[in-house]
């Protein structure tokens, strides 16, 4: 898999100490289903096109936002998303280290990007 992190990103590995909420966008332009973003870093005041650029989301697809609660003691890697598929990137990027996909029981909520922005 190509490196999805920005060339100048500091990429850190760690373990969650508490249950933590993250966001997952579907579809995204990243391979696999193990990529999340810190919810506390999401700026809902930014325009939808800018969000699609920052999070490297396709421009021609409806986006679903899933709120994921990752439990304590899960290994993660975190850094800054690099450019992907003609998108600038720049958002935070959290990788679940020992999972190929997000376990279904971690999903707290799922909605369209438009609805998520209107509620945030």
PDB file of N, CA and C in Angstrom:
ATOM      1  N   UNK A   1       0.847  -1.176   0.000  1.00  0.00           N
ATOM      2  CA  UNK A   1       0.000   0.000   0.000  1.00  0.00           C
ATOM      3  C   UNK A   1       0.892   1.238   0.000  1.00  0.00           C
ATOM      4  N   UNK A   2       0.602   2.218  -0.848  1.00  0.00           N
ATOM      5  CA  UNK A   2       1.369   3.461  -0.835  1.00  0.00           C
ATOM      6  C   UNK A   2       1.202   4.189   0.503  1.00  0.00           C
ATOM      7  N   UNK A   3       2.207   4.937   0.859  1.00  0.00           N
ATOM      8  CA  UNK A   3       2.172   5.706   2.104  1.00  0.00           C
ATOM      9  C   UNK A   3       1.147   6.837   1.987  1.00  0.00           C
ATOM     10  N   UNK A   4       0.078   6.835   2.808  1.00  0.00           N
ATOM     11  CA  UNK A   4      -0.924   7.891   2.713  1.00  0.00           C
ATOM     12  C   UNK A   4      -0.563   9.154   3.499  1.00  0.00           C
ATOM     13  N   UNK A   5       0.529   9.104   4.250  1.00  0.00           N
ATOM     14  CA  UNK A   5       0.911  10.242   5.080  1.00  0.00           C
ATOM     15  C   UNK A   5       1.705  11.266   4.275  1.00  0.00           C
ATOM     16  N   UNK A   6       1.545  12.528   4.626  1.00  0.00           N
ATOM     17  CA  UNK A   6       2.290  13.604   3.970  1.00  0.00           C
ATOM     18  C   UNK A   6       3.786  13.386   4.183  1.00  0.00           C
ATOM     19  N   UNK A   7       4.582  13.777   3.188  1.00  0.00           N
ATOM     20  CA  UNK A   7       6.030  13.590   3.257  1.00  0.00           C
ATOM     21  C   UNK A   7       6.639  14.252   4.485  1.00  0.00           C
ATOM     22  N   UNK A   8       6.106  15.405   4.889  1.00  0.00           N
ATOM     23  CA  UNK A   8       6.667  16.131   6.029  1.00  0.00           C
ATOM     24  C   UNK A   8       5.949  15.826   7.348  1.00  0.00           C
ATOM     25  N   UNK A   9       5.066  14.817   7.344  1.00  0.00           N
ATOM     26  CA  UNK A   9       4.290  14.487   8.536  1.00  0.00           C
ATOM     27  C   UNK A   9       5.131  13.746   9.563  1.00  0.00           C
ATOM     28  N   UNK A  10       4.926  14.086  10.804  1.00  0.00           N
ATOM     29  CA  UNK A  10       5.464  13.292  11.902  1.00  0.00           C
ATOM     30  C   UNK A  10       4.413  12.228  12.176  1.00  0.00           C
ATOM     31  N   UNK A  11       4.775  10.979  12.009  1.00  0.00           N
ATOM     32  CA  UNK A  11       3.842   9.865  12.208  1.00  0.00           C
ATOM     33  C   UNK A  11       4.210   9.188  13.517  1.00  0.00           C
ATOM     34  N   UNK A  12       3.226   9.124  14.419  1.00  0.00           N
ATOM     35  CA  UNK A  12       3.456   8.552  15.743  1.00  0.00           C
ATOM     36  C   UNK A  12       2.612   7.301  15.919  1.00  0.00           C
ATOM     37  N   UNK A  13       3.155   6.366  16.646  1.00  0.00           N
ATOM     38  CA  UNK A  13       2.416   5.169  17.003  1.00  0.00           C
ATOM     39  C   UNK A  13       2.073   5.246  18.472  1.00  0.00           C
ATOM     40  N   UNK A  14       0.916   4.710  18.818  1.00  0.00           N
ATOM     41  CA  UNK A  14       0.489   4.728  20.203  1.00  0.00           C
ATOM     42  C   UNK A  14      -0.641   3.733  20.419  1.00  0.00           C
ATOM     43  N   UNK A  15      -1.191   3.793  21.613  1.00  0.00           N
ATOM     44  CA  UNK A  15      -2.302   2.943  22.008  1.00  0.00           C
ATOM     45  C   UNK A  15      -3.346   3.817  22.668  1.00  0.00           C
ATOM     46  N   UNK A  16      -4.601   3.635  22.286  1.00  0.00           N
ATOM     47  CA  UNK A  16      -5.657   4.428  22.919  1.00  0.00           C
ATOM     48  C   UNK A  16      -5.720   4.084  24.401  1.00  0.00           C
ATOM     49  N   UNK A  17      -5.839   5.115  25.237  1.00  0.00           N
ATOM     50  CA  UNK A  17      -5.910   4.890  26.684  1.00  0.00           C
ATOM     51  C   UNK A  17      -7.347   4.874  27.186  1.00  0.00           C
ATOM     52  N   UNK A  18      -8.231   5.502  26.443  1.00  0.00           N
ATOM     53  CA  UNK A  18      -9.653   5.549  26.771  1.00  0.00           C
ATOM     54  C   UNK A  18     -10.441   5.338  25.487  1.00  0.00           C
ATOM     55  N   UNK A  19     -11.732   5.055  25.630  1.00  0.00           N
ATOM     56  CA  UNK A  19     -12.595   5.021  24.453  1.00  0.00           C
ATOM     57  C   UNK A  19     -12.602   6.423  23.846  1.00  0.00           C
ATOM     58  N   UNK A  20     -12.427   6.514  22.525  1.00  0.00           N
ATOM     59  CA  UNK A  20     -12.300   7.793  21.843  1.00  0.00           C
ATOM     60  C   UNK A  20     -13.128   7.779  20.572  1.00  0.00           C
ATOM     61  N   UNK A  21     -13.856   8.889  20.314  1.00  0.00           N
ATOM     62  CA  UNK A  21     -14.644   8.999  19.094  1.00  0.00           C
ATOM     63  C   UNK A  21     -13.799   9.523  17.941  1.00  0.00           C
ATOM     64  N   UNK A  22     -13.939   8.863  16.804  1.00  0.00           N
ATOM     65  CA  UNK A  22     -13.285   9.252  15.564  1.00  0.00           C
ATOM     66  C   UNK A  22     -14.344   9.332  14.471  1.00  0.00           C
ATOM     67  N   UNK A  23     -13.976   9.910  13.346  1.00  0.00           N
ATOM     68  CA  UNK A  23     -14.848   9.954  12.178  1.00  0.00           C
ATOM     69  C   UNK A  23     -14.252   9.068  11.095  1.00  0.00           C
ATOM     70  N   UNK A  24     -15.136   8.433  10.341  1.00  0.00           N
ATOM     71  CA  UNK A  24     -14.718   7.688   9.161  1.00  0.00           C
ATOM     72  C   UNK A  24     -15.601   8.130   8.003  1.00  0.00           C
ATOM     73  N   UNK A  25     -14.972   8.463   6.886  1.00  0.00           N
ATOM     74  CA  UNK A  25     -15.695   8.894   5.697  1.00  0.00           C
ATOM     75  C   UNK A  25     -15.715   7.751   4.688  1.00  0.00           C
ATOM     76  N   UNK A  26     -16.885   7.522   4.107  1.00  0.00           N
ATOM     77  CA  UNK A  26     -17.014   6.480   3.086  1.00  0.00           C
ATOM     78  C   UNK A  26     -17.799   7.028   1.916  1.00  0.00           C
ATOM     79  N   UNK A  27     -17.352   6.893   0.681  1.00  0.00           N
ATOM     80  CA  UNK A  27     -16.036   6.353   0.362  1.00  0.00           C
ATOM     81  C   UNK A  27     -14.949   7.392   0.602  1.00  0.00           C
ATOM     82  N   UNK A  28     -13.735   6.914   0.714  1.00  0.00           N
ATOM     83  CA  UNK A  28     -12.584   7.811   0.736  1.00  0.00           C
ATOM     84  C   UNK A  28     -11.651   7.363  -0.381  1.00  0.00           C
ATOM     85  N   UNK A  29     -10.550   8.018  -0.536  1.00  0.00           N
ATOM     86  CA  UNK A  29      -9.602   7.663  -1.596  1.00  0.00           C
ATOM     87  C   UNK A  29      -8.419   6.871  -1.048  1.00  0.00           C
ATOM     88  N   UNK A  30      -8.620   6.196   0.091  1.00  0.00           N
ATOM     89  CA  UNK A  30      -7.543   5.432   0.712  1.00  0.00           C
ATOM     90  C   UNK A  30      -7.833   3.942   0.593  1.00  0.00           C
ATOM     91  N   UNK A  31      -6.814   3.125   0.465  1.00  0.00           N
ATOM     92  CA  UNK A  31      -7.038   1.685   0.365  1.00  0.00           C
ATOM     93  C   UNK A  31      -7.428   1.087   1.714  1.00  0.00           C
ATOM     94  N   UNK A  32      -8.358   0.172   1.710  1.00  0.00           N
ATOM     95  CA  UNK A  32      -8.740  -0.502   2.949  1.00  0.00           C
ATOM     96  C   UNK A  32      -9.770   0.277   3.735  1.00  0.00           C
ATOM     97  N   UNK A  33     -10.118  -0.277   4.885  1.00  0.00           N
ATOM     98  CA  UNK A  33     -11.194   0.280   5.701  1.00  0.00           C
ATOM     99  C   UNK A  33     -10.727   0.527   7.135  1.00  0.00           C
ATOM    100  N   UNK A  34      -9.463   0.896   7.307  1.00  0.00           N
ATOM    101  CA  UNK A  34      -8.904   1.053   8.654  1.00  0.00           C
ATOM    102  C   UNK A  34      -8.508   2.495   8.952  1.00  0.00           C
ATOM    103  N   UNK A  35      -9.050   3.479   8.187  1.00  0.00           N
ATOM    104  CA  UNK A  35      -8.624   4.874   8.295  1.00  0.00           C
ATOM    105  C   UNK A  35      -9.687   5.710   8.992  1.00  0.00           C
ATOM    106  N   UNK A  36      -9.261   6.467   9.987  1.00  0.00           N
ATOM    107  CA  UNK A  36     -10.158   7.323  10.767  1.00  0.00           C
ATOM    108  C   UNK A  36      -9.557   8.723  10.856  1.00  0.00           C
ATOM    109  N   UNK A  37     -10.352   9.636  11.412  1.00  0.00           N
ATOM    110  CA  UNK A  37      -9.915  11.015  11.621  1.00  0.00           C
ATOM    111  C   UNK A  37     -10.393  11.454  13.000  1.00  0.00           C
ATOM    112  N   UNK A  38      -9.586  12.256  13.656  1.00  0.00           N
ATOM    113  CA  UNK A  38      -9.952  12.728  14.993  1.00  0.00           C
ATOM    114  C   UNK A  38     -11.176  13.634  14.903  1.00  0.00           C
ATOM    115  N   UNK A  39     -12.193  13.312  15.662  1.00  0.00           N
ATOM    116  CA  UNK A  39     -13.422  14.107  15.645  1.00  0.00           C
ATOM    117  C   UNK A  39     -13.163  15.518  16.149  1.00  0.00           C
ATOM    118  N   UNK A  40     -12.299  15.666  17.138  1.00  0.00           N
ATOM    119  CA  UNK A  40     -12.044  16.991  17.711  1.00  0.00           C
ATOM    120  C   UNK A  40     -11.259  17.890  16.770  1.00  0.00           C
ATOM    121  N   UNK A  41     -10.749  17.366  15.666  1.00  0.00           N
ATOM    122  CA  UNK A  41     -10.023  18.169  14.683  1.00  0.00           C
ATOM    123  C   UNK A  41     -10.894  18.553  13.483  1.00  0.00           C
ATOM    124  N   UNK A  42     -12.124  18.037  13.425  1.00  0.00           N
ATOM    125  CA  UNK A  42     -13.011  18.303  12.304  1.00  0.00           C
ATOM    126  C   UNK A  42     -13.644  19.682  12.461  1.00  0.00           C
ATOM    127  N   UNK A  43     -13.510  20.528  11.457  1.00  0.00           N
ATOM    128  CA  UNK A  43     -14.044  21.890  11.487  1.00  0.00           C
ATOM    129  C   UNK A  43     -15.288  21.957  10.603  1.00  0.00           C
ATOM    130  N   UNK A  44     -16.453  21.947  11.209  1.00  0.00           N
ATOM    131  CA  UNK A  44     -17.710  21.938  10.456  1.00  0.00           C
ATOM    132  C   UNK A  44     -18.036  23.294   9.838  1.00  0.00           C
ATOM    133  N   UNK A  45     -17.231  24.325  10.109  1.00  0.00           N
ATOM    134  CA  UNK A  45     -17.480  25.638   9.512  1.00  0.00           C
ATOM    135  C   UNK A  45     -16.838  25.766   8.129  1.00  0.00           C
ATOM    136  N   UNK A  46     -16.035  24.784   7.756  1.00  0.00           N
ATOM    137  CA  UNK A  46     -15.373  24.790   6.454  1.00  0.00           C
ATOM    138  C   UNK A  46     -16.381  24.317   5.400  1.00  0.00           C
ATOM    139  N   UNK A  47     -16.270  24.827   4.196  1.00  0.00           N
ATOM    140  CA  UNK A  47     -17.195  24.442   3.123  1.00  0.00           C
ATOM    141  C   UNK A  47     -17.013  22.963   2.763  1.00  0.00           C
ATOM    142  N   UNK A  48     -18.067  22.380   2.212  1.00  0.00           N
ATOM    143  CA  UNK A  48     -17.996  20.968   1.813  1.00  0.00           C
ATOM    144  C   UNK A  48     -16.886  20.710   0.792  1.00  0.00           C
ATOM    145  N   UNK A  49     -16.714  21.548  -0.233  1.00  0.00           N
ATOM    146  CA  UNK A  49     -15.597  21.294  -1.157  1.00  0.00           C
ATOM    147  C   UNK A  49     -14.230  21.319  -0.462  1.00  0.00           C
ATOM    148  N   UNK A  50     -14.069  22.214   0.509  1.00  0.00           N
ATOM    149  CA  UNK A  50     -12.802  22.270   1.241  1.00  0.00           C
ATOM    150  C   UNK A  50     -12.607  21.032   2.114  1.00  0.00           C
ATOM    151  N   UNK A  51     -13.692  20.529   2.709  1.00  0.00           N
ATOM    152  CA  UNK A  51     -13.612  19.297   3.500  1.00  0.00           C
ATOM    153  C   UNK A  51     -13.219  18.132   2.600  1.00  0.00           C
ATOM    154  N   UNK A  52     -13.841  18.058   1.421  1.00  0.00           N
ATOM    155  CA  UNK A  52     -13.504  16.975   0.486  1.00  0.00           C
ATOM    156  C   UNK A  52     -12.034  17.058   0.078  1.00  0.00           C
ATOM    157  N   UNK A  53     -11.492  18.251  -0.069  1.00  0.00           N
ATOM    158  CA  UNK A  53     -10.086  18.408  -0.427  1.00  0.00           C
ATOM    159  C   UNK A  53      -9.178  18.027   0.745  1.00  0.00           C
ATOM    160  N   UNK A  54      -9.468  18.536   1.940  1.00  0.00           N
ATOM    161  CA  UNK A  54      -8.626  18.296   3.115  1.00  0.00           C
ATOM    162  C   UNK A  54      -8.604  16.826   3.526  1.00  0.00           C
ATOM    163  N   UNK A  55      -9.750  16.139   3.398  1.00  0.00           N
ATOM    164  CA  UNK A  55      -9.845  14.738   3.794  1.00  0.00           C
ATOM    165  C   UNK A  55      -9.693  13.791   2.596  1.00  0.00           C
ATOM    166  N   UNK A  56      -9.339  14.333   1.431  1.00  0.00           N
ATOM    167  CA  UNK A  56      -9.091  13.554   0.210  1.00  0.00           C
ATOM    168  C   UNK A  56     -10.290  12.690  -0.160  1.00  0.00           C
ATOM    169  N   UNK A  57     -11.475  13.305  -0.148  1.00  0.00           N
ATOM    170  CA  UNK A  57     -12.713  12.590  -0.464  1.00  0.00           C
ATOM    171  C   UNK A  57     -13.072  12.796  -1.931  1.00  0.00           C
ATOM    172  N   UNK A  58     -13.676  11.798  -2.558  1.00  0.00           N
ATOM    173  CA  UNK A  58     -14.086  11.955  -3.956  1.00  0.00           C
ATOM    174  C   UNK A  58     -15.085  13.103  -4.122  1.00  0.00           C
ATOM    175  N   UNK A  59     -14.998  13.780  -5.258  1.00  0.00           N
ATOM    176  CA  UNK A  59     -15.916  14.903  -5.512  1.00  0.00           C
ATOM    177  C   UNK A  59     -17.230  14.440  -6.113  1.00  0.00           C
ATOM    178  N   UNK A  60     -17.247  13.261  -6.706  1.00  0.00           N
ATOM    179  CA  UNK A  60     -18.417  12.811  -7.452  1.00  0.00           C
ATOM    180  C   UNK A  60     -19.239  11.754  -6.723  1.00  0.00           C
ATOM    181  N   UNK A  61     -19.056  11.596  -5.424  1.00  0.00           N
ATOM    182  CA  UNK A  61     -19.777  10.582  -4.658  1.00  0.00           C
ATOM    183  C   UNK A  61     -20.443  11.201  -3.449  1.00  0.00           C
ATOM    184  N   UNK A  62     -21.597  10.645  -3.075  1.00  0.00           N
ATOM    185  CA  UNK A  62     -22.204  11.004  -1.796  1.00  0.00           C
ATOM    186  C   UNK A  62     -21.319  10.418  -0.700  1.00  0.00           C
ATOM    187  N   UNK A  63     -21.051  11.197   0.325  1.00  0.00           N
ATOM    188  CA  UNK A  63     -20.165  10.767   1.410  1.00  0.00           C
ATOM    189  C   UNK A  63     -20.990  10.432   2.640  1.00  0.00           C
ATOM    190  N   UNK A  64     -20.696   9.303   3.247  1.00  0.00           N
ATOM    191  CA  UNK A  64     -21.295   8.914   4.522  1.00  0.00           C
ATOM    192  C   UNK A  64     -20.265   9.165   5.616  1.00  0.00           C
ATOM    193  N   UNK A  65     -20.706   9.768   6.707  1.00  0.00           N
ATOM    194  CA  UNK A  65     -19.846   9.994   7.870  1.00  0.00           C
ATOM    195  C   UNK A  65     -20.277   9.013   8.949  1.00  0.00           C
ATOM    196  N   UNK A  66     -19.335   8.216   9.404  1.00  0.00           N
ATOM    197  CA  UNK A  66     -19.589   7.279  10.488  1.00  0.00           C
ATOM    198  C   UNK A  66     -18.852   7.774  11.728  1.00  0.00           C
ATOM    199  N   UNK A  67     -19.554   7.817  12.860  1.00  0.00           N
ATOM    200  CA  UNK A  67     -18.917   8.121  14.139  1.00  0.00           C
ATOM    201  C   UNK A  67     -18.523   6.775  14.739  1.00  0.00           C
ATOM    202  N   UNK A  68     -17.231   6.629  14.990  1.00  0.00           N
ATOM    203  CA  UNK A  68     -16.662   5.371  15.460  1.00  0.00           C
ATOM    204  C   UNK A  68     -16.086   5.583  16.855  1.00  0.00           C
ATOM    205  N   UNK A  69     -16.475   4.734  17.792  1.00  0.00           N
ATOM    206  CA  UNK A  69     -15.881   4.795  19.131  1.00  0.00           C
ATOM    207  C   UNK A  69     -14.880   3.657  19.264  1.00  0.00           C
ATOM    208  N   UNK A  70     -13.614   4.040  19.258  1.00  0.00           N
ATOM    209  CA  UNK A  70     -12.526   3.073  19.389  1.00  0.00           C
ATOM    210  C   UNK A  70     -12.289   2.848  20.879  1.00  0.00           C
ATOM    211  N   UNK A  71     -12.317   1.599  21.326  1.00  0.00           N
ATOM    212  CA  UNK A  71     -12.126   1.341  22.758  1.00  0.00           C
ATOM    213  C   UNK A  71     -10.672   1.557  23.187  1.00  0.00           C
ATOM    214  N   UNK A  72     -10.455   1.500  24.484  1.00  0.00           N
ATOM    215  CA  UNK A  72      -9.097   1.596  25.033  1.00  0.00           C
ATOM    216  C   UNK A  72      -8.277   0.393  24.583  1.00  0.00           C
ATOM    217  N   UNK A  73      -6.971   0.572  24.596  1.00  0.00           N
ATOM    218  CA  UNK A  73      -5.997  -0.487  24.311  1.00  0.00           C
ATOM    219  C   UNK A  73      -5.966  -0.935  22.850  1.00  0.00           C
ATOM    220  N   UNK A  74      -6.253  -0.021  21.920  1.00  0.00           N
ATOM    221  CA  UNK A  74      -6.163  -0.312  20.493  1.00  0.00           C
ATOM    222  C   UNK A  74      -4.937   0.417  19.945  1.00  0.00           C
ATOM    223  N   UNK A  75      -4.092  -0.309  19.234  1.00  0.00           N
ATOM    224  CA  UNK A  75      -2.889   0.282  18.639  1.00  0.00           C
ATOM    225  C   UNK A  75      -3.271   1.114  17.427  1.00  0.00           C
ATOM    226  N   UNK A  76      -2.748   2.348  17.367  1.00  0.00           N
ATOM    227  CA  UNK A  76      -3.021   3.256  16.256  1.00  0.00           C
ATOM    228  C   UNK A  76      -1.717   3.885  15.775  1.00  0.00           C
ATOM    229  N   UNK A  77      -1.794   4.449  14.598  1.00  0.00           N
ATOM    230  CA  UNK A  77      -0.738   5.295  14.045  1.00  0.00           C
ATOM    231  C   UNK A  77      -1.441   6.583  13.636  1.00  0.00           C
ATOM    232  N   UNK A  78      -0.846   7.732  13.913  1.00  0.00           N
ATOM    233  CA  UNK A  78      -1.486   9.009  13.604  1.00  0.00           C
ATOM    234  C   UNK A  78      -0.477   9.944  12.950  1.00  0.00           C
ATOM    235  N   UNK A  79      -0.938  10.656  11.943  1.00  0.00           N
ATOM    236  CA  UNK A  79      -0.099  11.612  11.229  1.00  0.00           C
ATOM    237  C   UNK A  79      -0.981  12.544  10.420  1.00  0.00           C
ATOM    238  N   UNK A  80      -0.420  13.153   9.395  1.00  0.00           N
ATOM    239  CA  UNK A  80      -1.137  14.081   8.523  1.00  0.00           C
ATOM    240  C   UNK A  80      -1.327  13.432   7.156  1.00  0.00           C
ATOM    241  N   UNK A  81      -2.542  13.496   6.661  1.00  0.00           N
ATOM    242  CA  UNK A  81      -2.877  12.924   5.364  1.00  0.00           C
ATOM    243  C   UNK A  81      -2.179  13.693   4.255  1.00  0.00           C
ATOM    244  N   UNK A  82      -1.497  12.974   3.391  1.00  0.00           N
ATOM    245  CA  UNK A  82      -0.838  13.579   2.245  1.00  0.00           C
ATOM    246  C   UNK A  82      -1.790  13.721   1.069  1.00  0.00           C
ATOM    247  N   UNK A  83      -1.317  14.263  -0.043  1.00  0.00           N
ATOM    248  CA  UNK A  83      -2.150  14.382  -1.234  1.00  0.00           C
ATOM    249  C   UNK A  83      -2.540  12.993  -1.757  1.00  0.00           C
ATOM    250  N   UNK A  84      -3.807  12.859  -2.142  1.00  0.00           N
ATOM    251  CA  UNK A  84      -4.319  11.589  -2.662  1.00  0.00           C
ATOM    252  C   UNK A  84      -5.289  11.900  -3.799  1.00  0.00           C
ATOM    253  N   UNK A  85      -5.118  11.253  -4.924  1.00  0.00           N
ATOM    254  CA  UNK A  85      -6.063  11.363  -6.049  1.00  0.00           C
ATOM    255  C   UNK A  85      -6.436  12.808  -6.365  1.00  0.00           C
ATOM    256  N   UNK A  86      -5.450  13.642  -6.564  1.00  0.00           N
ATOM    257  CA  UNK A  86      -5.626  15.057  -6.915  1.00  0.00           C
ATOM    258  C   UNK A  86      -6.328  15.865  -5.817  1.00  0.00           C
ATOM    259  N   UNK A  87      -6.311  15.382  -4.582  1.00  0.00           N
ATOM    260  CA  UNK A  87      -6.826  16.116  -3.434  1.00  0.00           C
ATOM    261  C   UNK A  87      -5.635  16.524  -2.586  1.00  0.00           C
ATOM    262  N   UNK A  88      -5.702  17.687  -1.959  1.00  0.00           N
ATOM    263  CA  UNK A  88      -4.559  18.221  -1.210  1.00  0.00           C
ATOM    264  C   UNK A  88      -4.229  17.456   0.053  1.00  0.00           C
ATOM    265  N   UNK A  89      -5.249  16.936   0.740  1.00  0.00           N
ATOM    266  CA  UNK A  89      -5.012  16.316   2.033  1.00  0.00           C
ATOM    267  C   UNK A  89      -4.750  17.382   3.081  1.00  0.00           C
ATOM    268  N   UNK A  90      -4.070  17.001   4.133  1.00  0.00           N
ATOM    269  CA  UNK A  90      -3.749  17.944   5.203  1.00  0.00           C
ATOM    270  C   UNK A  90      -4.494  17.658   6.495  1.00  0.00           C
ATOM    271  N   UNK A  91      -5.541  16.818   6.435  1.00  0.00           N
ATOM    272  CA  UNK A  91      -6.272  16.460   7.653  1.00  0.00           C
ATOM    273  C   UNK A  91      -5.442  15.473   8.463  1.00  0.00           C
ATOM    274  N   UNK A  92      -5.814  15.316   9.724  1.00  0.00           N
ATOM    275  CA  UNK A  92      -5.194  14.280  10.532  1.00  0.00           C
ATOM    276  C   UNK A  92      -5.608  12.922   9.963  1.00  0.00           C
ATOM    277  N   UNK A  93      -4.813  11.910  10.189  1.00  0.00           N
ATOM    278  CA  UNK A  93      -5.108  10.567   9.705  1.00  0.00           C
ATOM    279  C   UNK A  93      -4.747   9.572  10.790  1.00  0.00           C
ATOM    280  N   UNK A  94      -5.712   8.745  11.166  1.00  0.00           N
ATOM    281  CA  UNK A  94      -5.513   7.743  12.209  1.00  0.00           C
ATOM    282  C   UNK A  94      -5.703   6.368  11.573  1.00  0.00           C
ATOM    283  N   UNK A  95      -4.713   5.526  11.740  1.00  0.00           N
ATOM    284  CA  UNK A  95      -4.755   4.175  11.183  1.00  0.00           C
ATOM    285  C   UNK A  95      -4.910   3.162  12.319  1.00  0.00           C
ATOM    286  N   UNK A  96      -5.885   2.295  12.192  1.00  0.00           N
ATOM    287  CA  UNK A  96      -6.006   1.183  13.130  1.00  0.00           C
ATOM    288  C   UNK A  96      -4.938   0.163  12.766  1.00  0.00           C
ATOM    289  N   UNK A  97      -4.062  -0.152  13.684  1.00  0.00           N
ATOM    290  CA  UNK A  97      -2.870  -0.953  13.366  1.00  0.00           C
ATOM    291  C   UNK A  97      -3.155  -2.443  13.185  1.00  0.00           C
ATOM    292  N   UNK A  98      -4.006  -3.036  13.966  1.00  0.00           N
ATOM    293  CA  UNK A  98      -4.177  -4.482  13.916  1.00  0.00           C
ATOM    294  C   UNK A  98      -5.547  -4.889  13.379  1.00  0.00           C
ATOM    295  N   UNK A  99      -6.120  -4.036  12.561  1.00  0.00           N
ATOM    296  CA  UNK A  99      -7.441  -4.291  11.995  1.00  0.00           C
ATOM    297  C   UNK A  99      -7.405  -4.005  10.499  1.00  0.00           C
ATOM    298  N   UNK A 100      -8.057  -4.850   9.726  1.00  0.00           N
ATOM    299  CA  UNK A 100      -8.222  -4.599   8.301  1.00  0.00           C
ATOM    300  C   UNK A 100      -9.457  -3.747   8.048  1.00  0.00           C
ATOM    301  N   UNK A 101     -10.396  -3.783   8.993  1.00  0.00           N
ATOM    302  CA  UNK A 101     -11.642  -3.045   8.878  1.00  0.00           C
ATOM    303  C   UNK A 101     -12.097  -2.625  10.269  1.00  0.00           C
ATOM    304  N   UNK A 102     -12.921  -1.609  10.339  1.00  0.00           N
ATOM    305  CA  UNK A 102     -13.461  -1.146  11.618  1.00  0.00           C
ATOM    306  C   UNK A 102     -14.536  -2.140  12.071  1.00  0.00           C
ATOM    307  N   UNK A 103     -14.418  -2.701  13.268  1.00  0.00           N
ATOM    308  CA  UNK A 103     -15.469  -3.604  13.750  1.00  0.00           C
ATOM    309  C   UNK A 103     -16.831  -2.903  13.810  1.00  0.00           C
ATOM    310  N   UNK A 104     -17.861  -3.571  13.330  1.00  0.00           N
ATOM    311  CA  UNK A 104     -19.203  -2.986  13.267  1.00  0.00           C
ATOM    312  C   UNK A 104     -19.721  -2.499  14.595  1.00  0.00           C
ATOM    313  N   UNK A 105     -19.364  -3.168  15.685  1.00  0.00           N
ATOM    314  CA  UNK A 105     -19.867  -2.767  17.004  1.00  0.00           C
ATOM    315  C   UNK A 105     -19.275  -1.445  17.485  1.00  0.00           C
ATOM    316  N   UNK A 106     -18.240  -0.941  16.821  1.00  0.00           N
ATOM    317  CA  UNK A 106     -17.664   0.353  17.182  1.00  0.00           C
ATOM    318  C   UNK A 106     -18.445   1.523  16.589  1.00  0.00           C
ATOM    319  N   UNK A 107     -19.287   1.264  15.593  1.00  0.00           N
ATOM    320  CA  UNK A 107     -20.033   2.345  14.932  1.00  0.00           C
ATOM    321  C   UNK A 107     -21.127   2.867  15.857  1.00  0.00           C
ATOM    322  N   UNK A 108     -21.112   4.182  16.090  1.00  0.00           N
ATOM    323  CA  UNK A 108     -22.083   4.829  16.958  1.00  0.00           C
ATOM    324  C   UNK A 108     -23.221   5.478  16.180  1.00  0.00           C
ATOM    325  N   UNK A 109     -22.894   5.967  14.989  1.00  0.00           N
ATOM    326  CA  UNK A 109     -23.856   6.726  14.192  1.00  0.00           C
ATOM    327  C   UNK A 109     -23.349   6.783  12.765  1.00  0.00           C
ATOM    328  N   UNK A 110     -24.284   6.945  11.843  1.00  0.00           N
ATOM    329  CA  UNK A 110     -23.925   7.056  10.435  1.00  0.00           C
ATOM    330  C   UNK A 110     -24.921   7.999   9.768  1.00  0.00           C
ATOM    331  N   UNK A 111     -24.400   8.958   8.977  1.00  0.00           N
ATOM    332  CA  UNK A 111     -25.257   9.926   8.306  1.00  0.00           C
ATOM    333  C   UNK A 111     -24.538  10.464   7.075  1.00  0.00           C
ATOM    334  N   UNK A 112     -25.247  11.191   6.275  1.00  0.00           N
ATOM    335  CA  UNK A 112     -24.608  11.819   5.113  1.00  0.00           C
ATOM    336  C   UNK A 112     -23.722  12.972   5.566  1.00  0.00           C
ATOM    337  N   UNK A 113     -22.749  13.323   4.745  1.00  0.00           N
ATOM    338  CA  UNK A 113     -21.882  14.460   5.051  1.00  0.00           C
ATOM    339  C   UNK A 113     -22.702  15.735   5.200  1.00  0.00           C
ATOM    340  N   UNK A 114     -23.686  15.930   4.324  1.00  0.00           N
ATOM    341  CA  UNK A 114     -24.517  17.136   4.376  1.00  0.00           C
ATOM    342  C   UNK A 114     -25.254  17.233   5.707  1.00  0.00           C
ATOM    343  N   UNK A 115     -25.836  16.116   6.150  1.00  0.00           N
ATOM    344  CA  UNK A 115     -26.552  16.112   7.433  1.00  0.00           C
ATOM    345  C   UNK A 115     -25.586  16.321   8.583  1.00  0.00           C
ATOM    346  N   UNK A 116     -24.429  15.664   8.526  1.00  0.00           N
ATOM    347  CA  UNK A 116     -23.440  15.810   9.582  1.00  0.00           C
ATOM    348  C   UNK A 116     -23.009  17.272   9.718  1.00  0.00           C
ATOM    349  N   UNK A 117     -22.792  17.942   8.600  1.00  0.00           N
ATOM    350  CA  UNK A 117     -22.389  19.351   8.639  1.00  0.00           C
ATOM    351  C   UNK A 117     -23.496  20.227   9.216  1.00  0.00           C
ATOM    352  N   UNK A 118     -24.743  19.925   8.897  1.00  0.00           N
ATOM    353  CA  UNK A 118     -25.846  20.742   9.399  1.00  0.00           C
ATOM    354  C   UNK A 118     -26.079  20.540  10.897  1.00  0.00           C
ATOM    355  N   UNK A 119     -25.674  19.384  11.435  1.00  0.00           N
ATOM    356  CA  UNK A 119     -25.867  19.098  12.851  1.00  0.00           C
ATOM    357  C   UNK A 119     -24.670  19.500  13.692  1.00  0.00           C
ATOM    358  N   UNK A 120     -23.536  19.729  13.054  1.00  0.00           N
ATOM    359  CA  UNK A 120     -22.308  20.030  13.821  1.00  0.00           C
ATOM    360  C   UNK A 120     -22.236  21.501  14.176  1.00  0.00           C
TER     361      UNK A 120
END
